[in-house]
């Protein structure tokens, strides 16, 4: 009798297990993704150019094919995106990300705009186990904390690579004397921290090294000082609003350095329109660089889709990096076959992903390759001019006068 009971019990257990493992995963009808990003405040121009259009376009593209295929559910799941305005305020951003996680219960997060915001949000995403691929953060300090936030990944080229490429370019072109100014924000401070000793190493004189406040309204006194110093190159580690301001006031003052480099915003297509068309910005250099002529599958097609969808070109700084981060997210979901965030994080950390910026592989949380570091406007195109082995065109030097 006891033996029959045991056999019956074993059979019952196997029957239950069979049914448990035969039942499909709990019904799910969408992938809910959230982001807190700057729709207002000083970071809004950058967010509105680089990330938000690409977030929206990618969601539309995913849904046009029925969503992202998730093996666990054996179907494509459409994507729904929640966007909150962080108002360019770090405290607001942190609260909104926690709201997305704890109240909205999003499946995945997309990052904010800018270095300072990424520093604030990276640890929060890590705390809740959400992989985050940052396309608009350029920071060496991230390397120091990367082991503590393994869910965070930096896809954009970092200051050490870009600074080295820029200084090498200055030396190649024979620049002897520079003015170096920077926005007093994480991006500007870190870039300058890399640039300054690199210039010293190459024997390039720094006539002026000076910071200015975030969202400055008038930099003409500083620019007049630079004009009087008669430098070969003006190097500006700037964000979009100050990039536009510096360009405008430099032109008004007749400040004509042989080499004119600015940070974020130069690669925006609106930049060449703001100052009178392509001829007006000929020879100006900026952070980047990517253009649709880079030798990677899908680059030109992505550029054309962006133009068709938004009636404007993507910027040549971080738009393509943003789109590449979304390509990685889609590929990781399909490789893993689920929305398990730990598995997604592990896949992102270990796999190589074909994207519009080339094959992306993260080592220690950072992308180890980029299509270019420095770009230059030439006849309406933002050409890659550094690193030297990545050029899509030879650099113009000196820059044509205003």
Foldseek 3Di string as FASTA:
>chain_A
DVVVVVVVVVVVVVVVVVVVVVDAPDDDAAAEEEEAEACADLCNVVCVFAAPLLVVVVLVVQVVVPAFFFQSRRGHHRYDYYYHHCNPDQVSRLVVVVCCCPPVVGLAYEYYAAAVNCVSCQVVCQVSLHAYEDLHHAAPVCLVCLVVRLSYFYEAYHLLQLLLFVLVVCVVQPFAEEEEEEEPDRQRVRNCVNNVVSCVVSNHHHPYYYYDYRPDDDDLVVLVVVLVVQGQEYAYADAQVVVLRCLVSCQVVQRFHQAYEYEHNCQRLVSQVVQPHLLRQAQHKYWAADDLPQPAPPSVVVQVVSCVVPVGGRGGHRNQVNNQVVQLQSVLSVVQSHSPSVSSSVCQQQDWGRGSQGTFHDDSRYTPDGLATMWGRHPSGTWHQPPPVNTPDHHDTRGDGD
